[in-house]
């Protein structure tokens, strides 16, 4: 469980900071047959605590997938990146923002969401199987 202790940061008069971590993602997050994570998920985050107690967390996630190309079925391994852009609200109302309680932000859900948004809809090898760009 990765967290930011907002109360401690405020007590130390620290309104911003950075976090970096790596973790093993659950292959159950992937909906593509014959594809799995082949690396740890690397996470880099910056956070800023506002005067109102709201905390903006931005950064990126990076991971590698391996498996069979969804089009030609050849073995492939590709790296993917995604953005983290989350707003944490103290005692949130369950809206679009993430809530935190007791001065501690648990980042697990926001990180998992960023990984899920970075996952492709299909896994393509890149050797001629990429979908052509529309003009």
Protein backbone atom coordinates (compact mmCIF):
# COMPACT_ATOMS: atom_id res chain seq x y z
CA UNK A 1 0.00 0.00 0.00
CA UNK A 2 1.49 3.29 -1.17
CA UNK A 3 0.34 6.41 0.63
CA UNK A 4 0.93 10.10 1.22
CA UNK A 5 0.63 11.33 4.80
CA UNK A 6 -0.97 14.74 4.20
CA UNK A 7 -1.16 15.71 7.88
CA UNK A 8 2.54 14.98 8.41
CA UNK A 9 3.49 16.89 5.26
CA UNK A 10 1.41 19.88 6.36
CA UNK A 11 2.94 19.76 9.85
CA UNK A 12 6.40 19.87 8.25
CA UNK A 13 5.25 22.73 5.98
CA UNK A 14 5.96 20.54 2.95
CA UNK A 15 3.39 21.20 0.23
CA UNK A 16 4.88 19.09 -2.56
CA UNK A 17 6.94 15.99 -3.12
CA UNK A 18 7.80 13.07 -5.38
CA UNK A 19 7.44 9.31 -5.17
CA UNK A 20 8.89 6.50 -7.27
CA UNK A 21 8.11 2.83 -6.93
CA UNK A 22 7.83 -0.47 -8.75
CA UNK A 23 5.32 -3.25 -8.20
CA UNK A 24 4.11 -6.47 -9.78
CA UNK A 25 0.75 -5.94 -11.44
CA UNK A 26 -1.92 -8.63 -11.43
CA UNK A 27 -2.32 -10.23 -14.86
CA UNK A 28 -6.07 -10.29 -14.17
CA UNK A 29 -6.08 -6.59 -15.19
CA UNK A 30 -5.40 -7.63 -18.80
CA UNK A 31 -8.40 -8.56 -20.96
CA UNK A 32 -6.34 -9.66 -23.96
CA UNK A 33 -5.89 -13.44 -24.43
CA UNK A 34 -2.32 -14.80 -24.28
CA UNK A 35 -0.84 -11.52 -22.98
CA UNK A 36 0.77 -10.85 -19.58
CA UNK A 37 2.98 -8.33 -17.80
CA UNK A 38 6.65 -9.07 -18.44
CA UNK A 39 8.04 -6.37 -16.18
CA UNK A 40 7.32 -4.58 -12.97
CA UNK A 41 5.14 -1.50 -13.27
CA UNK A 42 7.34 1.56 -12.77
CA UNK A 43 5.54 4.55 -11.22
CA UNK A 44 6.81 8.13 -10.92
CA UNK A 45 4.58 10.62 -9.13
CA UNK A 46 4.62 14.24 -8.03
CA UNK A 47 2.11 15.65 -5.60
CA UNK A 48 1.06 19.10 -4.49
CA UNK A 49 -1.07 19.84 -1.43
CA UNK A 50 -3.39 22.82 -1.75
CA UNK A 51 -4.42 25.18 1.03
CA UNK A 52 -7.89 23.58 0.96
CA UNK A 53 -6.44 20.11 1.66
CA UNK A 54 -6.96 18.88 -1.88
CA UNK A 55 -3.98 17.01 -3.28
CA UNK A 56 -3.13 16.87 -6.99
CA UNK A 57 -1.10 13.80 -7.99
CA UNK A 58 0.46 13.66 -11.46
CA UNK A 59 3.00 11.40 -13.07
CA UNK A 60 3.32 8.29 -15.16
CA UNK A 61 3.22 4.51 -15.16
CA UNK A 62 5.40 2.36 -17.43
CA UNK A 63 5.30 -1.39 -18.03
CA UNK A 64 6.04 -4.06 -20.61
CA UNK A 65 3.62 -6.64 -21.96
CA UNK A 66 4.50 -9.87 -23.72
CA UNK A 67 2.38 -12.39 -25.54
CA UNK A 68 0.87 -13.23 -28.87
CA UNK A 69 -0.02 -10.52 -31.37
CA UNK A 70 -3.81 -10.25 -31.61
CA UNK A 71 -3.57 -10.08 -35.42
CA UNK A 72 -0.74 -12.40 -36.60
CA UNK A 73 -0.25 -14.50 -33.42
CA UNK A 74 3.54 -14.00 -33.40
CA UNK A 75 5.41 -13.55 -30.10
CA UNK A 76 5.91 -9.91 -29.15
CA UNK A 77 6.99 -7.70 -26.28
CA UNK A 78 6.10 -4.01 -26.10
CA UNK A 79 6.41 -1.18 -23.60
CA UNK A 80 3.44 0.98 -22.65
CA UNK A 81 3.15 4.20 -20.69
CA UNK A 82 0.25 6.02 -19.14
CA UNK A 83 -0.46 9.21 -17.28
CA UNK A 84 -1.50 9.62 -13.69
CA UNK A 85 -3.63 12.68 -13.07
CA UNK A 86 -5.68 12.41 -9.89
CA UNK A 87 -7.25 14.83 -7.47
CA UNK A 88 -7.70 13.65 -3.88
CA UNK A 89 -10.31 15.43 -1.77
CA UNK A 90 -10.48 15.14 2.02
CA UNK A 91 -13.64 13.25 3.01
CA UNK A 92 -14.73 13.31 -0.65
CA UNK A 93 -18.32 12.99 -1.75
CA UNK A 94 -17.82 10.02 -4.07
CA UNK A 95 -17.80 12.17 -7.22
CA UNK A 96 -15.18 11.96 -9.95
CA UNK A 97 -12.32 12.72 -7.58
CA UNK A 98 -10.65 10.28 -5.20
CA UNK A 99 -11.40 10.66 -1.50
CA UNK A 100 -9.02 10.37 1.41
CA UNK A 101 -9.67 10.15 5.12
CA UNK A 102 -7.74 10.72 8.32
CA UNK A 103 -5.04 12.68 6.50
CA UNK A 104 -3.72 9.68 4.51
CA UNK A 105 -4.00 9.22 0.79
CA UNK A 106 -3.84 5.62 -0.41
CA UNK A 107 -2.59 5.74 -4.00
CA UNK A 108 -3.29 2.12 -4.98
CA UNK A 109 -6.62 2.76 -6.76
CA UNK A 110 -5.32 5.75 -8.75
CA UNK A 111 -2.22 3.79 -9.83
CA UNK A 112 -4.30 0.75 -10.80
CA UNK A 113 -6.64 3.01 -12.81
CA UNK A 114 -3.67 4.56 -14.64
CA UNK A 115 -2.35 1.10 -15.55
CA UNK A 116 -5.77 0.02 -16.81
CA UNK A 117 -6.13 3.17 -18.96
CA UNK A 118 -2.65 2.54 -20.42
CA UNK A 119 -3.47 -1.02 -21.45
CA UNK A 120 -4.15 -1.44 -25.17
CA UNK A 121 -7.48 -2.77 -26.50
CA UNK A 122 -5.56 -5.34 -28.50
CA UNK A 123 -1.93 -6.41 -28.44
CA UNK A 124 -0.19 -5.81 -31.76
CA UNK A 125 3.39 -6.81 -32.55
CA UNK A 126 4.30 -3.67 -34.52
CA UNK A 127 5.74 -5.71 -37.41
CA UNK A 128 3.16 -4.58 -39.97
CA UNK A 129 0.20 -5.35 -37.71
CA UNK A 130 -0.26 -1.82 -36.41
CA UNK A 131 -3.56 -0.19 -37.28
CA UNK A 132 -2.98 2.51 -39.92
CA UNK A 133 -3.59 6.09 -38.82
CA UNK A 134 -6.70 7.81 -40.19
CA UNK A 135 -6.16 11.04 -42.09
